[in-house]
Amino acid sequence: MTTQSDTSRRAPLELFSSNSTRGVLAELLPEFERATSRRVTVSYDPALVMLKRIGAGETADLAILGAAAIDALAGEGKIVSESRRTLARCRVGIAVRAGAPKPDVSSVETFKQALLAAKSVCHTTSGASGIHFSGVIERLGIADAIKPKAVKNEGGLIGELVARNEADLAIQQIPELMAVPGIDLVGPLPETLQSVSVTTAGIFSASKRAAEAQALIDFLSSPASLRVFRAKGFEPA
């Protein structure tokens, strides 16, 4: 006889995540699944879109988002506060098509000139990096010059537009850029223009598989997994 508890144990773990962890999870989740015989399904979206989905009633077993988003969900009682765990940090970077000349972006002035010289610049509209970049060009006083040549998607891996030769420069969090074949990372934004995101995991209060969700968080926090995070463009937390 199959009980509801048996069905729950066999059901896959459901994970909500921002796009920055795509490259890491593509490598690590198969290892977790082999070790535990527990399948994991992942839904990716920019944090703002994910928060709207959760606000509309969607839920999962755990989430991996920016610390601010996880903290907000914990404040609403949707994430178990005690389950929150910082995994890594990441910065915003710039990329070009593979083999293309890399502009100098080492200073605020050279970064500004690289943006002005580019025929097109792509970024997201709902992702943390895209929102930050919109503020950066306002701060630099070049928004009127950049906006007409901006190529924008709501979310996703924006570097794919550069790989397809639909834009010259891609601006996104470094792990998201590194997850795209066919582009080269130029480097991070200059430090005074930088935005550092803290990647945090948390378990949904409504999860019926909290122990297994915790096992996944523990796995992602292991020294071996953190080496993968670093290889994919993250920094230690």
C-alpha atoms as a PDB file:
ATOM      1  CA  MET A   1       0.000   0.000   0.000  1.00  0.00           C
ATOM      2  CA  THR A   2       1.367   3.419  -1.003  1.00  0.00           C
ATOM      3  CA  THR A   3       0.890   6.104   1.627  1.00  0.00           C
ATOM      4  CA  GLN A   4       0.919   9.852   1.213  1.00  0.00           C
ATOM      5  CA  SER A   5       4.213   9.906   3.139  1.00  0.00           C
ATOM      6  CA  ASP A   6       5.760   7.457   0.643  1.00  0.00           C
ATOM      7  CA  THR A   7       4.614   9.626  -2.264  1.00  0.00           C
ATOM      8  CA  SER A   8       6.074  12.726  -0.601  1.00  0.00           C
ATOM      9  CA  ARG A   9       9.437  11.019  -0.142  1.00  0.00           C
ATOM     10  CA  ARG A  10       9.578  10.016  -3.795  1.00  0.00           C
ATOM     11  CA  ALA A  11       8.522  13.419  -5.131  1.00  0.00           C
ATOM     12  CA  PRO A  12      11.381  15.564  -6.384  1.00  0.00           C
ATOM     13  CA  LEU A  13      12.711  18.408  -4.324  1.00  0.00           C
ATOM     14  CA  GLU A  14      11.516  21.682  -5.810  1.00  0.00           C
ATOM     15  CA  LEU A  15      14.003  24.539  -5.890  1.00  0.00           C
ATOM     16  CA  PHE A  16      13.427  28.177  -6.842  1.00  0.00           C
ATOM     17  CA  SER A  17      16.618  29.998  -7.837  1.00  0.00           C
ATOM     18  CA  SER A  18      17.881  33.146  -9.466  1.00  0.00           C
ATOM     19  CA  ASN A  19      19.833  32.772 -12.704  1.00  0.00           C
ATOM     20  CA  SER A  20      23.233  33.356 -11.115  1.00  0.00           C
ATOM     21  CA  THR A  21      23.430  29.764  -9.875  1.00  0.00           C
ATOM     22  CA  ARG A  22      22.635  28.064 -13.194  1.00  0.00           C
ATOM     23  CA  GLY A  23      26.216  27.021 -13.906  1.00  0.00           C
ATOM     24  CA  VAL A  24      26.849  25.823 -10.358  1.00  0.00           C
ATOM     25  CA  LEU A  25      23.633  23.831 -10.068  1.00  0.00           C
ATOM     26  CA  ALA A  26      24.071  22.270 -13.508  1.00  0.00           C
ATOM     27  CA  GLU A  27      27.249  20.677 -12.180  1.00  0.00           C
ATOM     28  CA  LEU A  28      26.330  19.984  -8.554  1.00  0.00           C
ATOM     29  CA  LEU A  29      22.718  18.796  -8.669  1.00  0.00           C
ATOM     30  CA  PRO A  30      23.506  15.614 -10.656  1.00  0.00           C
ATOM     31  CA  GLU A  31      26.067  14.749  -7.957  1.00  0.00           C
ATOM     32  CA  PHE A  32      23.492  15.306  -5.209  1.00  0.00           C
ATOM     33  CA  GLU A  33      20.928  13.226  -7.082  1.00  0.00           C
ATOM     34  CA  ARG A  34      23.359  10.334  -7.526  1.00  0.00           C
ATOM     35  CA  ALA A  35      24.358  10.434  -3.865  1.00  0.00           C
ATOM     36  CA  THR A  36      20.818  10.655  -2.471  1.00  0.00           C
ATOM     37  CA  SER A  37      18.585   9.124  -5.187  1.00  0.00           C
ATOM     38  CA  ARG A  38      16.507  12.284  -4.818  1.00  0.00           C
ATOM     39  CA  ARG A  39      15.653  14.185  -7.994  1.00  0.00           C
ATOM     40  CA  VAL A  40      15.685  17.994  -7.873  1.00  0.00           C
ATOM     41  CA  THR A  41      13.651  20.224 -10.176  1.00  0.00           C
ATOM     42  CA  VAL A  42      14.727  23.838 -10.530  1.00  0.00           C
ATOM     43  CA  SER A  43      12.771  26.889 -11.646  1.00  0.00           C
ATOM     44  CA  TYR A  44      14.930  29.898 -12.557  1.00  0.00           C
ATOM     45  CA  ASP A  45      13.864  33.532 -12.662  1.00  0.00           C
ATOM     46  CA  PRO A  46      15.266  36.926 -11.714  1.00  0.00           C
ATOM     47  CA  ALA A  47      14.739  37.631  -8.019  1.00  0.00           C
ATOM     48  CA  LEU A  48      12.045  40.256  -8.590  1.00  0.00           C
ATOM     49  CA  VAL A  49      10.072  37.893 -10.812  1.00  0.00           C
ATOM     50  CA  MET A  50      10.534  35.056  -8.324  1.00  0.00           C
ATOM     51  CA  LEU A  51       9.268  37.221  -5.471  1.00  0.00           C
ATOM     52  CA  LYS A  52       6.180  38.109  -7.517  1.00  0.00           C
ATOM     53  CA  ARG A  53       5.539  34.424  -8.177  1.00  0.00           C
ATOM     54  CA  ILE A  54       5.890  33.560  -4.502  1.00  0.00           C
ATOM     55  CA  GLY A  55       3.705  36.508  -3.559  1.00  0.00           C
ATOM     56  CA  ALA A  56       1.035  35.137  -5.909  1.00  0.00           C
ATOM     57  CA  GLY A  57       1.039  31.822  -4.048  1.00  0.00           C
ATOM     58  CA  GLU A  58       3.733  29.673  -5.682  1.00  0.00           C
ATOM     59  CA  THR A  59       5.978  27.718  -3.353  1.00  0.00           C
ATOM     60  CA  ALA A  60       8.701  25.079  -3.387  1.00  0.00           C
ATOM     61  CA  ASP A  61      10.914  23.231  -0.932  1.00  0.00           C
ATOM     62  CA  LEU A  62      13.773  25.693  -0.912  1.00  0.00           C
ATOM     63  CA  ALA A  63      15.010  28.859  -2.581  1.00  0.00           C
ATOM     64  CA  ILE A  64      18.426  30.188  -3.523  1.00  0.00           C
ATOM     65  CA  LEU A  65      18.237  33.937  -4.038  1.00  0.00           C
ATOM     66  CA  GLY A  66      19.947  37.114  -2.955  1.00  0.00           C
ATOM     67  CA  ALA A  67      20.113  37.655   0.789  1.00  0.00           C
ATOM     68  CA  ALA A  68      17.656  40.551   0.669  1.00  0.00           C
ATOM     69  CA  ALA A  69      15.037  38.426  -1.072  1.00  0.00           C
ATOM     70  CA  ILE A  70      15.481  35.500   1.320  1.00  0.00           C
ATOM     71  CA  ASP A  71      15.326  37.863   4.307  1.00  0.00           C
ATOM     72  CA  ALA A  72      12.136  39.421   2.958  1.00  0.00           C
ATOM     73  CA  LEU A  73      10.533  35.995   2.537  1.00  0.00           C
ATOM     74  CA  ALA A  74      11.620  35.031   6.058  1.00  0.00           C
ATOM     75  CA  GLY A  75      10.043  38.226   7.352  1.00  0.00           C
ATOM     76  CA  GLU A  76       6.776  37.208   5.690  1.00  0.00           C
ATOM     77  CA  GLY A  77       6.979  33.747   7.261  1.00  0.00           C
ATOM     78  CA  LYS A  78       7.404  32.022   3.908  1.00  0.00           C
ATOM     79  CA  ILE A  79      11.005  30.966   4.569  1.00  0.00           C
ATOM     80  CA  VAL A  80      12.076  29.383   7.857  1.00  0.00           C
ATOM     81  CA  SER A  81      14.355  32.022   9.388  1.00  0.00           C
ATOM     82  CA  GLU A  82      16.643  29.483  11.040  1.00  0.00           C
ATOM     83  CA  SER A  83      17.204  27.675   7.733  1.00  0.00           C
ATOM     84  CA  ARG A  84      18.888  30.623   6.018  1.00  0.00           C
ATOM     85  CA  ARG A  85      22.467  29.967   4.964  1.00  0.00           C
ATOM     86  CA  THR A  86      24.865  32.143   3.012  1.00  0.00           C
ATOM     87  CA  LEU A  87      26.526  30.200   0.175  1.00  0.00           C
ATOM     88  CA  ALA A  88      28.695  32.672  -1.730  1.00  0.00           C
ATOM     89  CA  ARG A  89      28.982  36.176  -3.152  1.00  0.00           C
ATOM     90  CA  CYS A  90      29.203  37.479  -6.701  1.00  0.00           C
ATOM     91  CA  ARG A  91      29.938  40.703  -8.524  1.00  0.00           C
ATOM     92  CA  VAL A  92      28.665  42.324 -11.702  1.00  0.00           C
ATOM     93  CA  GLY A  93      30.884  41.981 -14.759  1.00  0.00           C
ATOM     94  CA  ILE A  94      31.235  42.764 -18.447  1.00  0.00           C
ATOM     95  CA  ALA A  95      31.626  40.324 -21.339  1.00  0.00           C
ATOM     96  CA  VAL A  96      32.236  40.427 -25.090  1.00  0.00           C
ATOM     97  CA  ARG A  97      31.819  37.874 -27.852  1.00  0.00           C
ATOM     98  CA  ALA A  98      34.534  35.201 -27.760  1.00  0.00           C
ATOM     99  CA  GLY A  99      37.653  36.430 -29.533  1.00  0.00           C
ATOM    100  CA  ALA A 100      36.508  40.053 -29.735  1.00  0.00           C
ATOM    101  CA  PRO A 101      38.836  42.784 -28.423  1.00  0.00           C
ATOM    102  CA  LYS A 102      38.382  43.375 -24.700  1.00  0.00           C
ATOM    103  CA  PRO A 103      37.928  47.009 -23.745  1.00  0.00           C
ATOM    104  CA  ASP A 104      39.721  48.496 -20.763  1.00  0.00           C
ATOM    105  CA  VAL A 105      37.212  48.607 -17.893  1.00  0.00           C
ATOM    106  CA  SER A 106      39.731  48.919 -15.066  1.00  0.00           C
ATOM    107  CA  SER A 107      38.697  52.441 -14.045  1.00  0.00           C
ATOM    108  CA  VAL A 108      35.471  54.394 -13.942  1.00  0.00           C
ATOM    109  CA  GLU A 109      36.572  56.570 -16.856  1.00  0.00           C
ATOM    110  CA  THR A 110      37.689  53.698 -19.106  1.00  0.00           C
ATOM    111  CA  PHE A 111      34.517  51.757 -18.286  1.00  0.00           C
ATOM    112  CA  LYS A 112      32.449  54.809 -19.203  1.00  0.00           C
ATOM    113  CA  GLN A 113      34.323  55.195 -22.502  1.00  0.00           C
ATOM    114  CA  ALA A 114      33.868  51.478 -23.276  1.00  0.00           C
ATOM    115  CA  LEU A 115      30.108  51.834 -22.854  1.00  0.00           C
ATOM    116  CA  LEU A 116      29.996  54.939 -25.040  1.00  0.00           C
ATOM    117  CA  ALA A 117      32.133  53.284 -27.739  1.00  0.00           C
ATOM    118  CA  ALA A 118      30.038  50.105 -27.922  1.00  0.00           C
ATOM    119  CA  LYS A 119      27.417  49.913 -30.662  1.00  0.00           C
ATOM    120  CA  SER A 120      25.075  48.090 -28.280  1.00  0.00           C
ATOM    121  CA  VAL A 121      24.968  47.059 -24.643  1.00  0.00           C
ATOM    122  CA  CYS A 122      22.695  44.347 -23.241  1.00  0.00           C
ATOM    123  CA  HIS A 123      21.343  43.889 -19.723  1.00  0.00           C
ATOM    124  CA  THR A 124      18.294  42.547 -17.934  1.00  0.00           C
ATOM    125  CA  THR A 125      15.415  44.650 -16.677  1.00  0.00           C
ATOM    126  CA  SER A 126      14.307  42.523 -13.693  1.00  0.00           C
ATOM    127  CA  GLY A 127      17.613  40.990 -12.611  1.00  0.00           C
ATOM    128  CA  ALA A 128      19.648  42.596  -9.831  1.00  0.00           C
ATOM    129  CA  SER A 129      22.542  43.371 -12.188  1.00  0.00           C
ATOM    130  CA  GLY A 130      20.320  45.057 -14.770  1.00  0.00           C
ATOM    131  CA  ILE A 131      18.630  47.220 -12.174  1.00  0.00           C
ATOM    132  CA  HIS A 132      22.034  48.161 -10.777  1.00  0.00           C
ATOM    133  CA  PHE A 133      23.395  48.967 -14.246  1.00  0.00           C
ATOM    134  CA  SER A 134      20.483  51.321 -14.930  1.00  0.00           C
ATOM    135  CA  GLY A 135      21.524  53.231 -11.840  1.00  0.00           C
ATOM    136  CA  VAL A 136      25.191  53.187 -12.852  1.00  0.00           C
ATOM    137  CA  ILE A 137      24.622  54.884 -16.215  1.00  0.00           C
ATOM    138  CA  GLU A 138      22.488  57.520 -14.506  1.00  0.00           C
ATOM    139  CA  ARG A 139      25.282  58.089 -11.993  1.00  0.00           C
ATOM    140  CA  LEU A 140      27.841  58.397 -14.798  1.00  0.00           C
ATOM    141  CA  GLY A 141      25.641  60.853 -16.662  1.00  0.00           C
ATOM    142  CA  ILE A 142      25.478  58.722 -19.828  1.00  0.00           C
ATOM    143  CA  ALA A 143      21.971  57.265 -19.566  1.00  0.00           C
ATOM    144  CA  ASP A 144      20.706  59.300 -22.542  1.00  0.00           C
ATOM    145  CA  ALA A 145      23.535  57.914 -24.687  1.00  0.00           C
ATOM    146  CA  ILE A 146      23.237  54.296 -23.555  1.00  0.00           C
ATOM    147  CA  LYS A 147      19.467  53.769 -23.407  1.00  0.00           C
ATOM    148  CA  PRO A 148      18.875  54.093 -27.198  1.00  0.00           C
ATOM    149  CA  LYS A 149      21.423  51.341 -27.907  1.00  0.00           C
ATOM    150  CA  ALA A 150      20.495  49.063 -25.012  1.00  0.00           C
ATOM    151  CA  VAL A 151      19.299  45.542 -25.813  1.00  0.00           C
ATOM    152  CA  LYS A 152      17.195  44.257 -22.925  1.00  0.00           C
ATOM    153  CA  ASN A 153      15.568  41.055 -21.721  1.00  0.00           C
ATOM    154  CA  GLU A 154      13.525  40.738 -18.560  1.00  0.00           C
ATOM    155  CA  GLY A 155      15.827  38.008 -17.267  1.00  0.00           C
ATOM    156  CA  GLY A 156      17.798  34.969 -18.368  1.00  0.00           C
ATOM    157  CA  LEU A 157      21.436  34.719 -19.397  1.00  0.00           C
ATOM    158  CA  ILE A 158      21.935  38.029 -21.154  1.00  0.00           C
ATOM    159  CA  GLY A 159      25.341  36.982 -22.499  1.00  0.00           C
ATOM    160  CA  GLU A 160      23.538  34.784 -25.016  1.00  0.00           C
ATOM    161  CA  LEU A 161      22.681  37.964 -26.945  1.00  0.00           C
ATOM    162  CA  VAL A 162      26.385  38.773 -27.288  1.00  0.00           C
ATOM    163  CA  ALA A 163      27.155  35.174 -28.270  1.00  0.00           C
ATOM    164  CA  ARG A 164      24.571  35.529 -31.076  1.00  0.00           C
ATOM    165  CA  ASN A 165      26.135  38.851 -32.149  1.00  0.00           C
ATOM    166  CA  GLU A 166      23.007  40.774 -31.139  1.00  0.00           C
ATOM    167  CA  ALA A 167      24.967  43.093 -28.841  1.00  0.00           C
ATOM    168  CA  ASP A 168      28.586  44.131 -28.266  1.00  0.00           C
ATOM    169  CA  LEU A 169      28.753  44.177 -24.459  1.00  0.00           C
ATOM    170  CA  ALA A 170      26.877  42.173 -21.835  1.00  0.00           C
ATOM    171  CA  ILE A 171      26.442  43.418 -18.286  1.00  0.00           C
ATOM    172  CA  GLN A 172      25.412  40.807 -15.708  1.00  0.00           C
ATOM    173  CA  GLN A 173      26.591  39.019 -12.603  1.00  0.00           C
ATOM    174  CA  ILE A 174      29.873  37.258 -13.349  1.00  0.00           C
ATOM    175  CA  PRO A 175      28.609  33.674 -12.753  1.00  0.00           C
ATOM    176  CA  GLU A 176      25.806  34.270 -15.250  1.00  0.00           C
ATOM    177  CA  LEU A 177      28.260  35.527 -17.855  1.00  0.00           C
ATOM    178  CA  MET A 178      30.583  32.579 -17.258  1.00  0.00           C
ATOM    179  CA  ALA A 179      27.681  30.170 -17.823  1.00  0.00           C
ATOM    180  CA  VAL A 180      27.335  31.259 -21.485  1.00  0.00           C
ATOM    181  CA  PRO A 181      29.451  29.583 -24.198  1.00  0.00           C
ATOM    182  CA  GLY A 182      30.754  31.861 -26.920  1.00  0.00           C
ATOM    183  CA  ILE A 183      31.571  34.912 -24.815  1.00  0.00           C
ATOM    184  CA  ASP A 184      34.654  36.088 -22.912  1.00  0.00           C
ATOM    185  CA  LEU A 185      34.588  37.741 -19.523  1.00  0.00           C
ATOM    186  CA  VAL A 186      36.308  41.126 -19.653  1.00  0.00           C
ATOM    187  CA  GLY A 187      36.267  41.696 -15.912  1.00  0.00           C
ATOM    188  CA  PRO A 188      34.234  43.142 -13.065  1.00  0.00           C
ATOM    189  CA  LEU A 189      32.811  46.643 -12.923  1.00  0.00           C
ATOM    190  CA  PRO A 190      35.197  49.143 -11.340  1.00  0.00           C
ATOM    191  CA  GLU A 191      35.029  48.804  -7.563  1.00  0.00           C
ATOM    192  CA  THR A 192      33.325  52.140  -6.918  1.00  0.00           C
ATOM    193  CA  LEU A 193      30.547  51.149  -9.337  1.00  0.00           C
ATOM    194  CA  GLN A 194      30.305  47.564  -8.141  1.00  0.00           C
ATOM    195  CA  SER A 195      27.361  45.704  -6.621  1.00  0.00           C
ATOM    196  CA  VAL A 196      28.045  42.556  -4.589  1.00  0.00           C
ATOM    197  CA  SER A 197      25.197  40.067  -4.241  1.00  0.00           C
ATOM    198  CA  VAL A 198      25.140  37.552  -1.407  1.00  0.00           C
ATOM    199  CA  THR A 199      23.695  34.214  -2.517  1.00  0.00           C
ATOM    200  CA  THR A 200      21.591  32.688   0.248  1.00  0.00           C
ATOM    201  CA  ALA A 201      19.551  29.504   0.608  1.00  0.00           C
ATOM    202  CA  GLY A 202      16.450  28.983   2.709  1.00  0.00           C
ATOM    203  CA  ILE A 203      13.728  26.376   3.236  1.00  0.00           C
ATOM    204  CA  PHE A 204      10.093  27.201   2.590  1.00  0.00           C
ATOM    205  CA  SER A 205       7.849  26.992   5.643  1.00  0.00           C
ATOM    206  CA  ALA A 206       5.345  25.014   3.571  1.00  0.00           C
ATOM    207  CA  SER A 207       7.864  22.344   2.522  1.00  0.00           C
ATOM    208  CA  LYS A 208       6.946  18.754   3.373  1.00  0.00           C
ATOM    209  CA  ARG A 209      10.526  17.683   2.656  1.00  0.00           C
ATOM    210  CA  ALA A 210      12.394  20.074   4.942  1.00  0.00           C
ATOM    211  CA  ALA A 211      14.944  17.466   6.060  1.00  0.00           C
ATOM    212  CA  GLU A 212      15.873  16.673   2.458  1.00  0.00           C
ATOM    213  CA  ALA A 213      15.939  20.359   1.585  1.00  0.00           C
ATOM    214  CA  GLN A 214      18.359  20.832   4.475  1.00  0.00           C
ATOM    215  CA  ALA A 215      20.474  17.989   3.122  1.00  0.00           C
ATOM    216  CA  LEU A 216      20.734  19.832  -0.196  1.00  0.00           C
ATOM    217  CA  ILE A 217      21.760  23.061   1.544  1.00  0.00           C
ATOM    218  CA  ASP A 218      24.397  21.128   3.497  1.00  0.00           C
ATOM    219  CA  PHE A 219      25.660  19.577   0.256  1.00  0.00           C
ATOM    220  CA  LEU A 220      25.888  22.975  -1.453  1.00  0.00           C
ATOM    221  CA  SER A 221      27.780  24.338   1.554  1.00  0.00           C
ATOM    222  CA  SER A 222      30.424  21.590   1.566  1.00  0.00           C
ATOM    223  CA  PRO A 223      34.067  22.458   0.766  1.00  0.00           C
ATOM    224  CA  ALA A 224      33.869  20.480  -2.485  1.00  0.00           C
ATOM    225  CA  SER A 225      30.762  22.363  -3.598  1.00  0.00           C
ATOM    226  CA  LEU A 226      32.259  25.718  -2.657  1.00  0.00           C
ATOM    227  CA  ARG A 227      35.197  24.960  -4.948  1.00  0.00           C
ATOM    228  CA  VAL A 228      32.665  24.650  -7.775  1.00  0.00           C
ATOM    229  CA  PHE A 229      31.095  27.972  -6.783  1.00  0.00           C
ATOM    230  CA  ARG A 230      34.536  29.615  -7.052  1.00  0.00           C
ATOM    231  CA  ALA A 231      35.238  27.981 -10.411  1.00  0.00           C
ATOM    232  CA  LYS A 232      31.945  29.363 -11.733  1.00  0.00           C
ATOM    233  CA  GLY A 233      32.694  32.962 -10.806  1.00  0.00           C
ATOM    234  CA  PHE A 234      31.544  33.243  -7.201  1.00  0.00           C
ATOM    235  CA  GLU A 235      33.594  34.419  -4.244  1.00  0.00           C
ATOM    236  CA  PRO A 236      33.664  32.914  -0.759  1.00  0.00           C
ATOM    237  CA  ALA A 237      30.997  34.321   1.513  1.00  0.00           C
END
